Amino acid sequence: MKSKLPLGKIDPNILAGLLSQYTSTGKRVLIGAGIGEDAAIIDMGPIYLVAKTDPITHVTGEIGHYAVHVNANDIASMGGRPLWFLATLLMPSGSSDRELKKIFSQISKTCKELGIAYCGGHTEVTSSVNIPLVVGHMLGEVNKEHLKPTSGAREGDDLVMTKSAAIEATAIIALEKAKELGASFPKKFIRKAQKYLHAPGISVVKEAILLRGMPGVHAFHDPTEGGLGTGIFEMARASGLGVEVYGERIPLTEETRLLCEYCDIDPLGAFASGSLLVAASPTTSEMAIKKLLRAGVPATRIGRMVSKKNGVKLMKGSKKMDLPVFHQDELSRIFG
């Protein structure tokens, strides 16, 4: 009997088998498909080309904004600069030209803000979807010395995260459940959470560009679906390491905490765009944190990379437990 796949990310063991069997690199693909890697790296001579594709399947109100930032984040999380964007737009039956124009406008505006050229794609109306679906394709460039793959973490590195956990999830909950939340939370609270898309924001391009040239910064990762916990697991697995995460140091805003409690979900397992994971040597991490803070980007040391034999652990006070990994994002339990 064939087993059915659950909603959300594919189990990494299943996915790893598929990637090893069916994907290939060739002579010029330096980093190809792999668990946790944010983008592919292709050797173009004096520079590397960074290539990424990612769909947006949640939140239709600002789907164009999302599509650009999520893909730009993955380019930046390899140490690169996002430069060219293409988008496939699939619209459900009955869509209006006004709805289509809104998405095009969002994509265009966000690309201009990041200095990216919106240069192509494909658009159609199809009965295969019941909400708008945008599949983004981002290309960028990275100097060889700036490359920061997820797999680059080293044993003994400090693990630093920017901003706070579940920024993206906070915005999604506040936007999609606004009417329901009105019975339990003040309007001001809901409006603030809805604005998490823009403040603190779901982009990590700024912090990645700030840190990519620092010696001693070894790896970046952009946690998204599956949340911060899954992102940390992916960095450890890609690097062939273990990790100790200090749970009490993980920043969590009041809006995120209360909305996650209301929805009965774990913020470590909910959409996390907006936070960048950084693996850096202990002699570099403090300088990196100070550099980020001076630029107005909150940053916190939340753990350290350890030997693989020590496992992927979450420390809470004197307790040590397995770090939770969420192959199904917590929001999938709410929105499907």
Protein backbone atom coordinates (compact mmCIF):
# COMPACT_ATOMS: atom_id res chain seq x y z
CA MET A 1 0.00 0.00 0.00
CA LYS A 2 1.37 3.38 -1.01
CA SER A 3 1.86 5.82 1.87
CA LYS A 4 0.35 9.28 1.53
CA LEU A 5 2.55 12.32 2.02
CA PRO A 6 1.36 14.76 4.70
CA LEU A 7 0.98 18.47 4.05
CA GLY A 8 4.15 20.53 4.32
CA LYS A 9 7.80 19.77 3.78
CA ILE A 10 8.81 16.35 2.56
CA ASP A 11 10.47 14.13 5.16
CA PRO A 12 14.20 14.86 4.70
CA ASN A 13 15.06 11.17 4.46
CA ILE A 14 12.59 10.68 1.59
CA LEU A 15 13.71 13.90 -0.08
CA ALA A 16 17.40 13.04 0.26
CA GLY A 17 16.79 9.77 -1.55
CA LEU A 18 14.96 11.50 -4.39
CA LEU A 19 17.63 14.17 -4.76
CA SER A 20 20.48 11.67 -4.84
CA GLN A 21 18.69 9.48 -7.39
CA TYR A 22 17.27 12.05 -9.77
CA THR A 23 19.22 15.33 -9.63
CA SER A 24 22.64 16.00 -11.09
CA THR A 25 25.30 18.68 -11.01
CA GLY A 26 27.54 18.58 -14.06
CA LYS A 27 30.94 20.20 -14.29
CA ARG A 28 29.91 23.75 -13.38
CA VAL A 29 27.31 23.23 -10.64
CA LEU A 30 29.28 23.69 -7.43
CA ILE A 31 26.31 23.37 -5.08
CA GLY A 32 23.23 21.60 -6.36
CA ALA A 33 20.08 20.22 -4.79
CA GLY A 34 20.59 19.33 -1.15
CA ILE A 35 18.78 19.26 2.18
CA GLY A 36 18.90 22.74 3.68
CA GLU A 37 20.83 24.51 0.93
CA ASP A 38 19.06 27.75 0.03
CA ALA A 39 20.05 27.96 -3.65
CA ALA A 40 22.16 26.40 -6.39
CA ILE A 41 25.62 27.75 -7.17
CA ILE A 42 26.88 27.68 -10.77
CA ASP A 43 30.43 28.57 -11.76
CA MET A 44 30.40 31.41 -14.31
CA GLY A 45 34.13 32.13 -14.26
CA PRO A 46 35.03 35.26 -12.24
CA ILE A 47 31.77 35.05 -10.25
CA TYR A 48 29.19 32.45 -9.26
CA LEU A 49 25.59 32.51 -10.42
CA VAL A 50 23.07 31.87 -7.61
CA ALA A 51 19.74 30.35 -8.69
CA LYS A 52 16.57 29.71 -6.70
CA THR A 53 12.87 28.93 -7.19
CA ASP A 54 10.23 29.04 -4.47
CA PRO A 55 6.41 29.13 -4.55
CA ILE A 56 4.06 31.11 -2.33
CA THR A 57 1.15 28.96 -1.22
CA HIS A 58 -0.08 30.95 1.81
CA VAL A 59 -1.55 34.45 2.17
CA THR A 60 -2.97 35.87 -1.03
CA GLY A 61 -3.31 39.51 0.06
CA GLU A 62 0.39 40.38 -0.47
CA ILE A 63 1.48 37.37 -2.45
CA GLY A 64 3.63 39.42 -4.84
CA HIS A 65 5.51 41.02 -1.96
CA TYR A 66 6.08 37.59 -0.42
CA ALA A 67 7.27 35.97 -3.64
CA VAL A 68 10.05 38.47 -4.21
CA HIS A 69 11.31 38.55 -0.62
CA VAL A 70 11.26 34.80 -0.06
CA ASN A 71 13.31 34.17 -3.18
CA ALA A 72 15.63 37.14 -2.59
CA ASN A 73 16.30 35.83 0.92
CA ASP A 74 17.55 32.54 -0.46
CA ILE A 75 20.01 34.29 -2.78
CA ALA A 76 21.26 36.50 0.07
CA SER A 77 21.51 33.48 2.36
CA MET A 78 24.20 32.07 0.09
CA GLY A 79 26.14 35.32 0.40
CA GLY A 80 24.85 36.62 -2.94
CA ARG A 81 23.06 39.70 -4.20
CA PRO A 82 19.62 39.09 -5.80
CA LEU A 83 19.46 40.70 -9.25
CA TRP A 84 16.88 39.14 -11.60
CA PHE A 85 13.37 37.85 -10.88
CA LEU A 86 10.96 35.80 -12.97
CA ALA A 87 7.51 34.72 -11.82
CA THR A 88 4.97 32.11 -12.88
CA LEU A 89 1.48 33.35 -11.94
CA LEU A 90 -1.32 30.78 -11.86
CA MET A 91 -4.74 32.37 -11.35
CA PRO A 92 -7.93 30.46 -10.49
CA SER A 93 -11.00 30.43 -12.73
CA GLY A 94 -13.02 33.59 -12.35
CA SER A 95 -10.03 35.83 -11.58
CA SER A 96 -10.28 39.44 -12.72
CA ASP A 97 -7.71 41.54 -14.52
CA ARG A 98 -7.75 43.81 -11.45
CA GLU A 99 -6.56 40.93 -9.23
CA LEU A 100 -3.83 40.10 -11.71
CA LYS A 101 -2.71 43.72 -11.93
CA LYS A 102 -2.46 43.88 -8.13
CA ILE A 103 -0.01 40.96 -8.03
CA PHE A 104 2.07 42.36 -10.90
CA SER A 105 2.17 45.72 -9.10
CA GLN A 106 3.32 44.12 -5.82
CA ILE A 107 6.08 42.19 -7.57
CA SER A 108 7.25 45.28 -9.45
CA LYS A 109 7.25 47.52 -6.37
CA THR A 110 9.13 45.03 -4.19
CA CYS A 111 11.72 44.33 -6.89
CA LYS A 112 12.39 48.06 -7.29
CA GLU A 113 12.85 48.43 -3.53
CA LEU A 114 15.53 45.71 -3.57
CA GLY A 115 17.21 46.79 -6.82
CA ILE A 116 16.04 43.67 -8.68
CA ALA A 117 14.95 43.49 -12.33
CA TYR A 118 11.53 41.87 -12.82
CA CYS A 119 12.40 40.43 -16.19
CA GLY A 120 10.13 37.54 -17.15
CA GLY A 121 7.93 34.60 -16.31
CA HIS A 122 4.59 33.08 -17.29
CA THR A 123 0.95 33.89 -16.50
CA GLU A 124 -2.24 31.91 -16.99
CA VAL A 125 -5.71 31.19 -15.59
CA THR A 126 -6.18 27.54 -14.70
CA SER A 127 -8.71 25.32 -12.98
CA SER A 128 -5.80 23.52 -11.30
CA VAL A 129 -5.66 26.11 -8.48
CA ASN A 130 -8.36 27.64 -6.31
CA ILE A 131 -6.29 30.57 -5.04
CA PRO A 132 -3.59 32.63 -6.80
CA LEU A 133 -0.25 30.83 -6.86
CA VAL A 134 3.06 32.56 -7.55
CA VAL A 135 6.19 30.54 -8.23
CA GLY A 136 9.19 32.83 -8.06
CA HIS A 137 12.53 32.30 -9.80
CA MET A 138 15.43 34.45 -8.59
CA LEU A 139 18.93 34.77 -9.97
CA GLY A 140 21.83 36.57 -8.38
CA GLU A 141 25.60 36.75 -8.20
CA VAL A 142 28.14 36.08 -5.49
CA ASN A 143 31.87 36.67 -5.35
CA LYS A 144 33.67 33.44 -4.58
CA GLU A 145 35.03 34.73 -1.27
CA HIS A 146 31.52 35.72 -0.10
CA LEU A 147 29.87 32.32 -0.58
CA LYS A 148 28.11 31.25 2.65
CA PRO A 149 26.40 27.88 2.07
CA THR A 150 24.22 26.28 4.71
CA SER A 151 26.73 23.43 4.73
CA GLY A 152 29.59 25.72 5.73
CA ALA A 153 29.12 25.68 9.53
CA ARG A 154 32.07 24.40 11.55
CA GLU A 155 32.27 22.60 14.87
CA GLY A 156 32.63 25.18 17.64
CA ASP A 157 30.87 27.96 15.71
CA ASP A 158 28.40 30.12 17.57
CA LEU A 159 24.84 30.06 16.19
CA VAL A 160 23.39 33.55 15.82
CA MET A 161 19.90 34.52 14.69
CA THR A 162 18.61 37.92 13.61
CA LYS A 163 15.33 39.51 14.70
CA SER A 164 12.89 37.03 16.30
CA ALA A 165 11.16 33.71 15.75
CA ALA A 166 8.07 33.19 13.57
CA ILE A 167 7.88 36.69 12.10
CA GLU A 168 6.19 35.44 8.94
CA ALA A 169 3.77 33.22 10.84
CA THR A 170 2.73 36.13 13.05
CA ALA A 171 1.76 38.18 10.00
CA ILE A 172 -0.08 35.28 8.38
CA ILE A 173 -2.16 34.56 11.48
CA ALA A 174 -3.03 38.24 11.97
CA LEU A 175 -3.97 38.71 8.30
CA GLU A 176 -5.91 35.51 7.77
CA LYS A 177 -7.68 35.41 11.13
CA ALA A 178 -8.25 39.14 11.63
CA LYS A 179 -12.02 38.88 12.11
CA GLU A 180 -11.78 35.98 14.54
CA LEU A 181 -8.95 37.60 16.51
CA GLY A 182 -11.04 40.74 17.01
CA ALA A 183 -13.00 38.99 19.75
CA SER A 184 -9.85 38.36 21.82
CA PHE A 185 -7.31 41.07 20.95
CA PRO A 186 -7.38 44.88 20.57
CA LYS A 187 -7.42 46.27 17.03
CA LYS A 188 -4.08 47.98 17.65
CA PHE A 189 -2.49 44.64 18.55
CA ILE A 190 -3.85 42.94 15.41
CA ARG A 191 -2.76 45.79 13.13
CA LYS A 192 0.76 45.69 14.56
CA ALA A 193 1.00 41.93 13.97
CA GLN A 194 -0.32 42.31 10.41
CA LYS A 195 2.47 44.78 9.70
CA TYR A 196 5.13 42.20 10.59
CA LEU A 197 5.44 41.66 6.83
CA HIS A 198 7.14 45.06 6.71
CA ALA A 199 8.26 45.73 10.31
CA PRO A 200 10.34 43.89 11.39
CA GLY A 201 9.84 42.54 7.85
CA ILE A 202 10.42 39.20 6.15
CA SER A 203 13.58 40.21 4.27
CA VAL A 204 17.05 39.11 5.41
CA VAL A 205 18.92 40.67 2.48
CA LYS A 206 20.24 43.58 4.56
CA GLU A 207 21.82 41.48 7.30
CA ALA A 208 23.25 38.91 4.88
CA ILE A 209 24.98 41.62 2.84
CA LEU A 210 26.31 43.21 6.05
CA LEU A 211 27.95 39.98 7.23
CA ARG A 212 28.96 38.13 4.07
CA GLY A 213 32.42 39.71 3.86
CA MET A 214 33.39 39.06 7.48
CA PRO A 215 36.16 36.49 8.00
CA GLY A 216 34.97 33.89 10.47
CA VAL A 217 31.36 33.96 9.25
CA HIS A 218 31.04 30.50 7.76
CA ALA A 219 27.39 29.81 6.93
CA PHE A 220 23.98 31.40 6.52
CA HIS A 221 20.55 29.79 6.43
CA ASP A 222 17.10 31.23 5.82
CA PRO A 223 14.52 29.33 7.91
CA THR A 224 11.10 29.37 6.25
CA GLU A 225 8.48 26.60 6.21
CA GLY A 226 8.87 24.39 9.26
CA GLY A 227 10.10 27.32 11.29
CA LEU A 228 13.26 28.11 13.18
CA GLY A 229 13.59 24.61 14.63
CA THR A 230 13.59 23.00 11.20
CA GLY A 231 15.98 25.65 9.85
CA ILE A 232 18.50 24.92 12.62
CA PHE A 233 18.18 21.19 11.97
CA GLU A 234 18.80 21.77 8.25
CA MET A 235 21.97 23.76 8.93
CA ALA A 236 23.31 21.08 11.26
CA ARG A 237 22.49 18.26 8.84
CA ALA A 238 23.91 20.04 5.81
CA SER A 239 27.14 20.73 7.72
CA GLY A 240 27.44 17.22 9.13
CA LEU A 241 27.26 18.56 12.69
CA GLY A 242 25.19 18.58 15.84
CA VAL A 243 23.92 21.70 17.58
CA GLU A 244 23.01 22.88 21.05
CA VAL A 245 20.27 25.52 21.07
CA TYR A 246 19.63 27.62 24.17
CA GLY A 247 15.84 27.82 24.16
CA GLU A 248 15.62 30.67 26.66
CA ARG A 249 17.75 32.91 24.42
CA ILE A 250 15.52 32.62 21.34
CA PRO A 251 13.85 36.03 20.86
CA LEU A 252 10.05 35.93 20.73
CA THR A 253 7.94 39.06 20.51
CA GLU A 254 4.79 39.52 22.56
CA GLU A 255 2.61 39.48 19.44
CA THR A 256 4.14 36.21 18.28
CA ARG A 257 3.90 34.58 21.68
CA LEU A 258 0.25 35.50 22.22
CA LEU A 259 -0.91 34.59 18.71
CA CYS A 260 0.89 31.25 18.83
CA GLU A 261 -0.67 30.51 22.21
CA TYR A 262 -4.09 31.48 20.85
CA CYS A 263 -3.66 29.08 17.89
CA ASP A 264 -2.03 26.41 20.08
CA ILE A 265 1.07 26.15 17.90
CA ASP A 266 4.79 26.04 18.61
CA PRO A 267 6.55 29.21 17.35
CA LEU A 268 9.68 27.12 16.66
CA GLY A 269 7.72 25.27 13.96
CA ALA A 270 5.95 28.12 12.21
CA PHE A 271 6.92 30.06 9.07
CA ALA A 272 10.08 31.96 9.96
CA SER A 273 11.02 34.23 7.03
CA GLY A 274 12.58 37.40 8.40
CA SER A 275 15.22 35.75 10.56
CA LEU A 276 18.68 34.78 9.32
CA LEU A 277 20.70 31.99 10.92
CA VAL A 278 24.46 32.63 11.03
CA ALA A 279 27.24 30.23 11.99
CA ALA A 280 30.36 32.14 13.00
CA SER A 281 33.52 31.45 14.95
CA PRO A 282 33.40 32.53 18.61
CA THR A 283 35.98 35.25 17.89
CA THR A 284 33.76 36.66 15.14
CA SER A 285 30.21 36.21 16.44
CA GLU A 286 30.31 39.08 18.94
CA MET A 287 31.66 41.46 16.28
CA ALA A 288 28.96 40.29 13.89
CA ILE A 289 26.24 40.90 16.47
CA LYS A 290 27.57 44.40 17.19
CA LYS A 291 27.72 45.20 13.47
CA LEU A 292 24.10 44.11 13.04
CA LEU A 293 22.93 46.09 16.07
CA ARG A 294 24.64 49.24 14.79
CA ALA A 295 22.71 48.79 11.54
CA GLY A 296 19.42 48.45 13.43
CA VAL A 297 19.13 44.67 13.05
CA PRO A 298 18.54 42.80 16.36
CA ALA A 299 20.76 39.72 16.72
CA THR A 300 21.21 37.08 19.41
CA ARG A 301 23.59 34.18 20.01
CA ILE A 302 21.25 31.23 20.54
CA GLY A 303 23.54 28.21 20.45
CA ARG A 304 26.66 26.54 19.15
CA MET A 305 27.57 23.94 16.56
CA VAL A 306 28.92 20.74 18.08
CA SER A 307 30.05 17.31 16.97
CA LYS A 308 27.46 15.27 15.08
CA LYS A 309 27.64 12.56 17.76
CA ASN A 310 26.13 15.04 20.27
CA GLY A 311 22.93 15.31 18.25
CA VAL A 312 20.59 18.23 17.62
CA LYS A 313 19.52 19.39 21.05
CA LEU A 314 17.40 22.07 22.69
CA MET A 315 18.51 23.28 26.13
CA LYS A 316 15.83 24.59 28.49
CA GLY A 317 17.33 25.44 31.86
CA SER A 318 18.97 22.26 33.12
CA LYS A 319 16.98 20.08 30.71
CA LYS A 320 18.35 18.82 27.40
CA MET A 321 15.96 17.41 24.80
CA ASP A 322 15.83 16.75 21.09
CA LEU A 323 15.28 19.92 19.09
CA PRO A 324 11.79 19.68 17.57
CA VAL A 325 11.79 19.41 13.78
CA PHE A 326 8.60 20.22 11.89
CA HIS A 327 8.25 18.55 8.50
CA GLN A 328 4.71 19.94 8.50
CA ASP A 329 4.64 23.63 9.32
CA GLU A 330 2.52 24.44 12.34
CA LEU A 331 0.35 26.76 10.26
CA SER A 332 -0.60 23.87 8.00
CA ARG A 333 -2.61 22.48 10.90
CA ILE A 334 -4.62 25.70 10.91
CA PHE A 335 -4.95 26.65 7.27
CA GLY A 336 -4.34 23.33 5.50
